[in-house]
Amino acid sequence: MVCKVSVREVRIMEEIKAPIPGKILAIKCKVNDFVKSGQVLLILEAMKMENEICSDSSGVVKEIKVKEGDFVQSGFTLIVIGEGKNKN
């Protein structure tokens, strides 16, 4: 008996979510940028304080779901990071 197993590519994505409600002041990356773990991705203003939102892992920015000036609620997905390698 022969068993055929199909193998498909699995893409791991990380969603960077707003930890608190606030306003997007600045976006520090672009789609297709390679980012490192701990790198600042954007600045979120909440209660008159500027909060750096950083990447939890290294990878490539696949999608940016906000723009500067947007107001977001806690838990809203800001940026999606996927697998990828630094091109440098």
PDB file of N, CA and C in Angstrom:
ATOM      1  N   MET A   1       0.837  -1.179   0.000  1.00  0.00           N
ATOM      2  CA  MET A   1       0.000   0.000   0.000  1.00  0.00           C
ATOM      3  C   MET A   1       0.884   1.245   0.000  1.00  0.00           C
ATOM      4  N   VAL A   2       0.569   2.155  -0.909  1.00  0.00           N
ATOM      5  CA  VAL A   2       1.321   3.402  -1.012  1.00  0.00           C
ATOM      6  C   VAL A   2       0.439   4.534  -0.523  1.00  0.00           C
ATOM      7  N   CYS A   3       0.999   5.339   0.325  1.00  0.00           N
ATOM      8  CA  CYS A   3       0.254   6.469   0.868  1.00  0.00           C
ATOM      9  C   CYS A   3       0.844   7.750   0.295  1.00  0.00           C
ATOM     10  N   LYS A   4       0.032   8.573  -0.336  1.00  0.00           N
ATOM     11  CA  LYS A   4       0.515   9.842  -0.885  1.00  0.00           C
ATOM     12  C   LYS A   4       0.158  10.963   0.079  1.00  0.00           C
ATOM     13  N   VAL A   5       1.148  11.753   0.356  1.00  0.00           N
ATOM     14  CA  VAL A   5       0.945  12.880   1.252  1.00  0.00           C
ATOM     15  C   VAL A   5       1.262  14.151   0.475  1.00  0.00           C
ATOM     16  N   SER A   6       0.326  15.053   0.474  1.00  0.00           N
ATOM     17  CA  SER A   6       0.604  16.316  -0.210  1.00  0.00           C
ATOM     18  C   SER A   6       1.260  17.275   0.776  1.00  0.00           C
ATOM     19  N   VAL A   7       2.251  17.941   0.288  1.00  0.00           N
ATOM     20  CA  VAL A   7       2.969  18.911   1.106  1.00  0.00           C
ATOM     21  C   VAL A   7       2.641  20.290   0.561  1.00  0.00           C
ATOM     22  N   ARG A   8       2.232  21.162   1.439  1.00  0.00           N
ATOM     23  CA  ARG A   8       1.960  22.522   0.998  1.00  0.00           C
ATOM     24  C   ARG A   8       2.771  23.487   1.834  1.00  0.00           C
ATOM     25  N   GLU A   9       3.042  24.614   1.264  1.00  0.00           N
ATOM     26  CA  GLU A   9       3.840  25.627   1.945  1.00  0.00           C
ATOM     27  C   GLU A   9       3.021  26.246   3.067  1.00  0.00           C
ATOM     28  N   VAL A  10       3.626  26.359   4.226  1.00  0.00           N
ATOM     29  CA  VAL A  10       2.966  26.990   5.362  1.00  0.00           C
ATOM     30  C   VAL A  10       3.619  28.349   5.576  1.00  0.00           C
ATOM     31  N   ARG A  11       2.812  29.375   5.582  1.00  0.00           N
ATOM     32  CA  ARG A  11       3.339  30.721   5.794  1.00  0.00           C
ATOM     33  C   ARG A  11       2.983  31.174   7.199  1.00  0.00           C
ATOM     34  N   ILE A  12       3.984  31.529   7.936  1.00  0.00           N
ATOM     35  CA  ILE A  12       3.770  31.996   9.299  1.00  0.00           C
ATOM     36  C   ILE A  12       3.664  33.515   9.266  1.00  0.00           C
ATOM     37  N   MET A  13       2.576  34.025   9.802  1.00  0.00           N
ATOM     38  CA  MET A  13       2.357  35.459   9.844  1.00  0.00           C
ATOM     39  C   MET A  13       2.215  35.901  11.294  1.00  0.00           C
ATOM     40  N   GLU A  14       2.726  37.062  11.583  1.00  0.00           N
ATOM     41  CA  GLU A  14       2.568  37.650  12.905  1.00  0.00           C
ATOM     42  C   GLU A  14       1.795  38.945  12.747  1.00  0.00           C
ATOM     43  N   GLU A  15       0.771  39.112  13.536  1.00  0.00           N
ATOM     44  CA  GLU A  15       0.002  40.346  13.525  1.00  0.00           C
ATOM     45  C   GLU A  15       0.439  41.208  14.697  1.00  0.00           C
ATOM     46  N   ILE A  16       0.864  42.434  14.399  1.00  0.00           N
ATOM     47  CA  ILE A  16       1.211  43.393  15.440  1.00  0.00           C
ATOM     48  C   ILE A  16      -0.070  44.150  15.767  1.00  0.00           C
ATOM     49  N   LYS A  17      -0.527  44.051  17.003  1.00  0.00           N
ATOM     50  CA  LYS A  17      -1.803  44.651  17.401  1.00  0.00           C
ATOM     51  C   LYS A  17      -1.578  45.830  18.343  1.00  0.00           C
ATOM     52  N   ALA A  18      -2.535  46.757  18.333  1.00  0.00           N
ATOM     53  CA  ALA A  18      -2.469  47.907  19.230  1.00  0.00           C
ATOM     54  C   ALA A  18      -2.668  47.430  20.676  1.00  0.00           C
ATOM     55  N   PRO A  19      -1.730  47.743  21.556  1.00  0.00           N
ATOM     56  CA  PRO A  19      -1.885  47.311  22.945  1.00  0.00           C
ATOM     57  C   PRO A  19      -2.901  48.171  23.709  1.00  0.00           C
ATOM     58  N   ILE A  20      -3.086  49.396  23.235  1.00  0.00           N
ATOM     59  CA  ILE A  20      -4.003  50.350  23.862  1.00  0.00           C
ATOM     60  C   ILE A  20      -4.631  51.201  22.768  1.00  0.00           C
ATOM     61  N   PRO A  21      -5.782  51.827  23.034  1.00  0.00           N
ATOM     62  CA  PRO A  21      -6.358  52.720  22.023  1.00  0.00           C
ATOM     63  C   PRO A  21      -5.499  53.980  21.887  1.00  0.00           C
ATOM     64  N   GLY A  22      -5.453  54.524  20.675  1.00  0.00           N
ATOM     65  CA  GLY A  22      -4.682  55.743  20.474  1.00  0.00           C
ATOM     66  C   GLY A  22      -4.644  56.167  19.025  1.00  0.00           C
ATOM     67  N   LYS A  23      -3.763  57.124  18.742  1.00  0.00           N
ATOM     68  CA  LYS A  23      -3.619  57.717  17.411  1.00  0.00           C
ATOM     69  C   LYS A  23      -2.252  57.345  16.841  1.00  0.00           C
ATOM     70  N   ILE A  24      -2.229  56.956  15.560  1.00  0.00           N
ATOM     71  CA  ILE A  24      -0.972  56.623  14.888  1.00  0.00           C
ATOM     72  C   ILE A  24      -0.257  57.934  14.536  1.00  0.00           C
ATOM     73  N   LEU A  25       0.904  58.165  15.148  1.00  0.00           N
ATOM     74  CA  LEU A  25       1.670  59.386  14.872  1.00  0.00           C
ATOM     75  C   LEU A  25       2.643  59.206  13.718  1.00  0.00           C
ATOM     76  N   ALA A  26       3.303  58.058  13.661  1.00  0.00           N
ATOM     77  CA  ALA A  26       4.317  57.832  12.627  1.00  0.00           C
ATOM     78  C   ALA A  26       4.439  56.346  12.333  1.00  0.00           C
ATOM     79  N   ILE A  27       4.691  56.042  11.071  1.00  0.00           N
ATOM     80  CA  ILE A  27       4.943  54.665  10.643  1.00  0.00           C
ATOM     81  C   ILE A  27       6.403  54.607  10.203  1.00  0.00           C
ATOM     82  N   LYS A  28       7.160  53.713  10.801  1.00  0.00           N
ATOM     83  CA  LYS A  28       8.612  53.652  10.611  1.00  0.00           C
ATOM     84  C   LYS A  28       9.065  52.543   9.667  1.00  0.00           C
ATOM     85  N   CYS A  29       8.129  51.928   8.934  1.00  0.00           N
ATOM     86  CA  CYS A  29       8.474  50.857   7.997  1.00  0.00           C
ATOM     87  C   CYS A  29       7.565  50.938   6.784  1.00  0.00           C
ATOM     88  N   LYS A  30       7.907  50.154   5.753  1.00  0.00           N
ATOM     89  CA  LYS A  30       7.108  50.080   4.526  1.00  0.00           C
ATOM     90  C   LYS A  30       6.862  48.612   4.197  1.00  0.00           C
ATOM     91  N   VAL A  31       5.855  48.367   3.365  1.00  0.00           N
ATOM     92  CA  VAL A  31       5.593  47.009   2.895  1.00  0.00           C
ATOM     93  C   VAL A  31       6.840  46.501   2.168  1.00  0.00           C
ATOM     94  N   ASN A  32       7.200  45.263   2.381  1.00  0.00           N
ATOM     95  CA  ASN A  32       8.371  44.566   1.830  1.00  0.00           C
ATOM     96  C   ASN A  32       9.675  44.892   2.548  1.00  0.00           C
ATOM     97  N   ASP A  33       9.639  45.744   3.585  1.00  0.00           N
ATOM     98  CA  ASP A  33      10.841  45.993   4.392  1.00  0.00           C
ATOM     99  C   ASP A  33      11.135  44.765   5.243  1.00  0.00           C
ATOM    100  N   PHE A  34      12.414  44.442   5.421  1.00  0.00           N
ATOM    101  CA  PHE A  34      12.819  43.421   6.371  1.00  0.00           C
ATOM    102  C   PHE A  34      12.965  44.104   7.722  1.00  0.00           C
ATOM    103  N   VAL A  35      12.335  43.558   8.752  1.00  0.00           N
ATOM    104  CA  VAL A  35      12.437  44.124  10.092  1.00  0.00           C
ATOM    105  C   VAL A  35      13.003  43.083  11.045  1.00  0.00           C
ATOM    106  N   LYS A  36      13.716  43.567  12.047  1.00  0.00           N
ATOM    107  CA  LYS A  36      14.319  42.686  13.044  1.00  0.00           C
ATOM    108  C   LYS A  36      13.478  42.701  14.313  1.00  0.00           C
ATOM    109  N   SER A  37      13.600  41.653  15.075  1.00  0.00           N
ATOM    110  CA  SER A  37      12.923  41.587  16.361  1.00  0.00           C
ATOM    111  C   SER A  37      13.350  42.775  17.216  1.00  0.00           C
ATOM    112  N   GLY A  38      12.374  43.480  17.786  1.00  0.00           N
ATOM    113  CA  GLY A  38      12.664  44.641  18.623  1.00  0.00           C
ATOM    114  C   GLY A  38      12.703  45.961  17.875  1.00  0.00           C
ATOM    115  N   GLN A  39      12.641  45.915  16.552  1.00  0.00           N
ATOM    116  CA  GLN A  39      12.690  47.141  15.745  1.00  0.00           C
ATOM    117  C   GLN A  39      11.381  47.921  15.886  1.00  0.00           C
ATOM    118  N   VAL A  40      11.483  49.249  15.997  1.00  0.00           N
ATOM    119  CA  VAL A  40      10.297  50.099  16.099  1.00  0.00           C
ATOM    120  C   VAL A  40       9.587  50.135  14.749  1.00  0.00           C
ATOM    121  N   LEU A  41       8.292  49.808  14.758  1.00  0.00           N
ATOM    122  CA  LEU A  41       7.497  49.786  13.539  1.00  0.00           C
ATOM    123  C   LEU A  41       6.643  51.040  13.390  1.00  0.00           C
ATOM    124  N   LEU A  42       6.113  51.518  14.519  1.00  0.00           N
ATOM    125  CA  LEU A  42       5.307  52.733  14.469  1.00  0.00           C
ATOM    126  C   LEU A  42       5.230  53.367  15.842  1.00  0.00           C
ATOM    127  N   ILE A  43       4.738  54.616  15.856  1.00  0.00           N
ATOM    128  CA  ILE A  43       4.558  55.356  17.097  1.00  0.00           C
ATOM    129  C   ILE A  43       3.060  55.549  17.306  1.00  0.00           C
ATOM    130  N   LEU A  44       2.577  55.141  18.482  1.00  0.00           N
ATOM    131  CA  LEU A  44       1.167  55.244  18.842  1.00  0.00           C
ATOM    132  C   LEU A  44       1.044  56.208  20.020  1.00  0.00           C
ATOM    133  N   GLU A  45       0.266  57.271  19.838  1.00  0.00           N
ATOM    134  CA  GLU A  45       0.053  58.231  20.915  1.00  0.00           C
ATOM    135  C   GLU A  45      -1.181  57.822  21.711  1.00  0.00           C
ATOM    136  N   ALA A  46      -1.010  57.727  23.017  1.00  0.00           N
ATOM    137  CA  ALA A  46      -2.117  57.410  23.903  1.00  0.00           C
ATOM    138  C   ALA A  46      -1.945  58.202  25.192  1.00  0.00           C
ATOM    139  N   MET A  47      -2.975  58.879  25.611  1.00  0.00           N
ATOM    140  CA  MET A  47      -2.954  59.693  26.825  1.00  0.00           C
ATOM    141  C   MET A  47      -1.765  60.653  26.839  1.00  0.00           C
ATOM    142  N   LYS A  48      -1.535  61.311  25.705  1.00  0.00           N
ATOM    143  CA  LYS A  48      -0.475  62.310  25.524  1.00  0.00           C
ATOM    144  C   LYS A  48       0.940  61.754  25.657  1.00  0.00           C
ATOM    145  N   MET A  49       1.074  60.423  25.538  1.00  0.00           N
ATOM    146  CA  MET A  49       2.395  59.802  25.568  1.00  0.00           C
ATOM    147  C   MET A  49       2.637  59.083  24.254  1.00  0.00           C
ATOM    148  N   GLU A  50       3.864  59.150  23.760  1.00  0.00           N
ATOM    149  CA  GLU A  50       4.240  58.458  22.533  1.00  0.00           C
ATOM    150  C   GLU A  50       4.781  57.077  22.894  1.00  0.00           C
ATOM    151  N   ASN A  51       4.158  56.047  22.330  1.00  0.00           N
ATOM    152  CA  ASN A  51       4.529  54.658  22.608  1.00  0.00           C
ATOM    153  C   ASN A  51       5.123  54.019  21.362  1.00  0.00           C
ATOM    154  N   GLU A  52       6.320  53.451  21.487  1.00  0.00           N
ATOM    155  CA  GLU A  52       6.942  52.744  20.376  1.00  0.00           C
ATOM    156  C   GLU A  52       6.350  51.340  20.290  1.00  0.00           C
ATOM    157  N   ILE A  53       5.828  50.997  19.118  1.00  0.00           N
ATOM    158  CA  ILE A  53       5.311  49.650  18.886  1.00  0.00           C
ATOM    159  C   ILE A  53       6.377  48.907  18.086  1.00  0.00           C
ATOM    160  N   CYS A  54       6.884  47.821  18.660  1.00  0.00           N
ATOM    161  CA  CYS A  54       8.024  47.101  18.083  1.00  0.00           C
ATOM    162  C   CYS A  54       7.615  45.720  17.573  1.00  0.00           C
ATOM    163  N   SER A  55       8.451  45.201  16.688  1.00  0.00           N
ATOM    164  CA  SER A  55       8.248  43.855  16.155  1.00  0.00           C
ATOM    165  C   SER A  55       8.666  42.825  17.198  1.00  0.00           C
ATOM    166  N   ASP A  56       7.888  41.760  17.302  1.00  0.00           N
ATOM    167  CA  ASP A  56       8.234  40.669  18.222  1.00  0.00           C
ATOM    168  C   ASP A  56       9.156  39.651  17.561  1.00  0.00           C
ATOM    169  N   SER A  57       9.256  39.699  16.231  1.00  0.00           N
ATOM    170  CA  SER A  57      10.090  38.738  15.512  1.00  0.00           C
ATOM    171  C   SER A  57      10.646  39.370  14.246  1.00  0.00           C
ATOM    172  N   SER A  58      11.614  38.718  13.661  1.00  0.00           N
ATOM    173  CA  SER A  58      12.189  39.189  12.403  1.00  0.00           C
ATOM    174  C   SER A  58      11.367  38.656  11.241  1.00  0.00           C
ATOM    175  N   GLY A  59      11.313  39.429  10.163  1.00  0.00           N
ATOM    176  CA  GLY A  59      10.584  39.002   8.978  1.00  0.00           C
ATOM    177  C   GLY A  59      10.352  40.162   8.034  1.00  0.00           C
ATOM    178  N   VAL A  60       9.449  39.956   7.080  1.00  0.00           N
ATOM    179  CA  VAL A  60       9.153  40.969   6.065  1.00  0.00           C
ATOM    180  C   VAL A  60       7.760  41.545   6.321  1.00  0.00           C
ATOM    181  N   VAL A  61       7.664  42.871   6.236  1.00  0.00           N
ATOM    182  CA  VAL A  61       6.371  43.535   6.401  1.00  0.00           C
ATOM    183  C   VAL A  61       5.506  43.178   5.197  1.00  0.00           C
ATOM    184  N   LYS A  62       4.407  42.482   5.451  1.00  0.00           N
ATOM    185  CA  LYS A  62       3.501  42.048   4.388  1.00  0.00           C
ATOM    186  C   LYS A  62       2.364  43.040   4.172  1.00  0.00           C
ATOM    187  N   GLU A  63       1.917  43.676   5.250  1.00  0.00           N
ATOM    188  CA  GLU A  63       0.771  44.566   5.139  1.00  0.00           C
ATOM    189  C   GLU A  63       0.804  45.594   6.274  1.00  0.00           C
ATOM    190  N   ILE A  64       0.461  46.836   5.942  1.00  0.00           N
ATOM    191  CA  ILE A  64       0.292  47.887   6.932  1.00  0.00           C
ATOM    192  C   ILE A  64      -1.168  48.303   6.866  1.00  0.00           C
ATOM    193  N   LYS A  65      -1.896  48.101   7.954  1.00  0.00           N
ATOM    194  CA  LYS A  65      -3.344  48.287   7.955  1.00  0.00           C
ATOM    195  C   LYS A  65      -3.783  49.660   8.461  1.00  0.00           C
ATOM    196  N   VAL A  66      -2.831  50.548   8.753  1.00  0.00           N
ATOM    197  CA  VAL A  66      -3.150  51.883   9.257  1.00  0.00           C
ATOM    198  C   VAL A  66      -2.353  52.928   8.491  1.00  0.00           C
ATOM    199  N   LYS A  67      -2.735  54.179   8.677  1.00  0.00           N
ATOM    200  CA  LYS A  67      -1.959  55.290   8.130  1.00  0.00           C
ATOM    201  C   LYS A  67      -1.803  56.330   9.236  1.00  0.00           C
ATOM    202  N   GLU A  68      -0.874  57.230   9.052  1.00  0.00           N
ATOM    203  CA  GLU A  68      -0.653  58.267  10.054  1.00  0.00           C
ATOM    204  C   GLU A  68      -1.928  59.078  10.244  1.00  0.00           C
ATOM    205  N   GLY A  69      -2.268  59.328  11.500  1.00  0.00           N
ATOM    206  CA  GLY A  69      -3.468  60.082  11.835  1.00  0.00           C
ATOM    207  C   GLY A  69      -4.663  59.211  12.190  1.00  0.00           C
ATOM    208  N   ASP A  70      -4.592  57.909  11.882  1.00  0.00           N
ATOM    209  CA  ASP A  70      -5.696  56.998  12.217  1.00  0.00           C
ATOM    210  C   ASP A  70      -5.814  56.836  13.737  1.00  0.00           C
ATOM    211  N   PHE A  71      -7.042  56.685  14.206  1.00  0.00           N
ATOM    212  CA  PHE A  71      -7.307  56.319  15.588  1.00  0.00           C
ATOM    213  C   PHE A  71      -7.634  54.830  15.610  1.00  0.00           C
ATOM    214  N   VAL A  72      -7.033  54.105  16.551  1.00  0.00           N
ATOM    215  CA  VAL A  72      -7.243  52.656  16.628  1.00  0.00           C
ATOM    216  C   VAL A  72      -7.674  52.260  18.034  1.00  0.00           C
ATOM    217  N   GLN A  73      -8.388  51.156  18.105  1.00  0.00           N
ATOM    218  CA  GLN A  73      -8.803  50.587  19.379  1.00  0.00           C
ATOM    219  C   GLN A  73      -7.814  49.500  19.806  1.00  0.00           C
ATOM    220  N   SER A  74      -7.798  49.200  21.071  1.00  0.00           N
ATOM    221  CA  SER A  74      -6.959  48.129  21.597  1.00  0.00           C
ATOM    222  C   SER A  74      -7.288  46.824  20.880  1.00  0.00           C
ATOM    223  N   GLY A  75      -6.262  46.106  20.447  1.00  0.00           N
ATOM    224  CA  GLY A  75      -6.441  44.824  19.773  1.00  0.00           C
ATOM    225  C   GLY A  75      -6.537  44.915  18.258  1.00  0.00           C
ATOM    226  N   PHE A  76      -6.608  46.140  17.709  1.00  0.00           N
ATOM    227  CA  PHE A  76      -6.694  46.308  16.259  1.00  0.00           C
ATOM    228  C   PHE A  76      -5.364  45.910  15.618  1.00  0.00           C
ATOM    229  N   THR A  77      -5.425  45.151  14.527  1.00  0.00           N
ATOM    230  CA  THR A  77      -4.201  44.747  13.825  1.00  0.00           C
ATOM    231  C   THR A  77      -3.623  45.940  13.079  1.00  0.00           C
ATOM    232  N   LEU A  78      -2.357  46.261  13.377  1.00  0.00           N
ATOM    233  CA  LEU A  78      -1.676  47.411  12.784  1.00  0.00           C
ATOM    234  C   LEU A  78      -0.824  47.001  11.585  1.00  0.00           C
ATOM    235  N   ILE A  79      -0.017  45.973  11.784  1.00  0.00           N
ATOM    236  CA  ILE A  79       0.957  45.530  10.778  1.00  0.00           C
ATOM    237  C   ILE A  79       1.008  44.005  10.775  1.00  0.00           C
ATOM    238  N   VAL A  80       1.182  43.425   9.585  1.00  0.00           N
ATOM    239  CA  VAL A  80       1.337  41.980   9.455  1.00  0.00           C
ATOM    240  C   VAL A  80       2.764  41.703   8.972  1.00  0.00           C
ATOM    241  N   ILE A  81       3.454  40.832   9.697  1.00  0.00           N
ATOM    242  CA  ILE A  81       4.831  40.449   9.352  1.00  0.00           C
ATOM    243  C   ILE A  81       4.839  38.967   9.002  1.00  0.00           C
ATOM    244  N   GLY A  82       5.484  38.628   7.891  1.00  0.00           N
ATOM    245  CA  GLY A  82       5.584  37.243   7.465  1.00  0.00           C
ATOM    246  C   GLY A  82       7.030  36.797   7.363  1.00  0.00           C
ATOM    247  N   GLU A  83       7.200  35.546   7.005  1.00  0.00           N
ATOM    248  CA  GLU A  83       8.546  35.008   6.849  1.00  0.00           C
ATOM    249  C   GLU A  83       9.254  35.705   5.708  1.00  0.00           C
ATOM    250  N   GLY A  84      10.534  35.832   5.829  1.00  0.00           N
ATOM    251  CA  GLY A  84      11.332  36.439   4.781  1.00  0.00           C
ATOM    252  C   GLY A  84      12.749  36.631   5.260  1.00  0.00           C
ATOM    253  N   LYS A  85      13.620  36.902   4.324  1.00  0.00           N
ATOM    254  CA  LYS A  85      15.031  37.075   4.638  1.00  0.00           C
ATOM    255  C   LYS A  85      15.480  38.465   4.247  1.00  0.00           C
ATOM    256  N   ASN A  86      16.496  38.926   4.959  1.00  0.00           N
ATOM    257  CA  ASN A  86      17.092  40.214   4.658  1.00  0.00           C
ATOM    258  C   ASN A  86      17.805  40.110   3.302  1.00  0.00           C
ATOM    259  N   LYS A  87      17.526  41.036   2.403  1.00  0.00           N
ATOM    260  CA  LYS A  87      18.111  40.982   1.067  1.00  0.00           C
ATOM    261  C   LYS A  87      19.522  41.549   1.023  1.00  0.00           C
ATOM    262  N   ASN A  88      19.979  42.120   2.135  1.00  0.00           N
ATOM    263  CA  ASN A  88      21.332  42.713   2.159  1.00  0.00           C
ATOM    264  C   ASN A  88      22.355  41.692   2.560  1.00  0.00           C
TER     265      ASN A  88
END
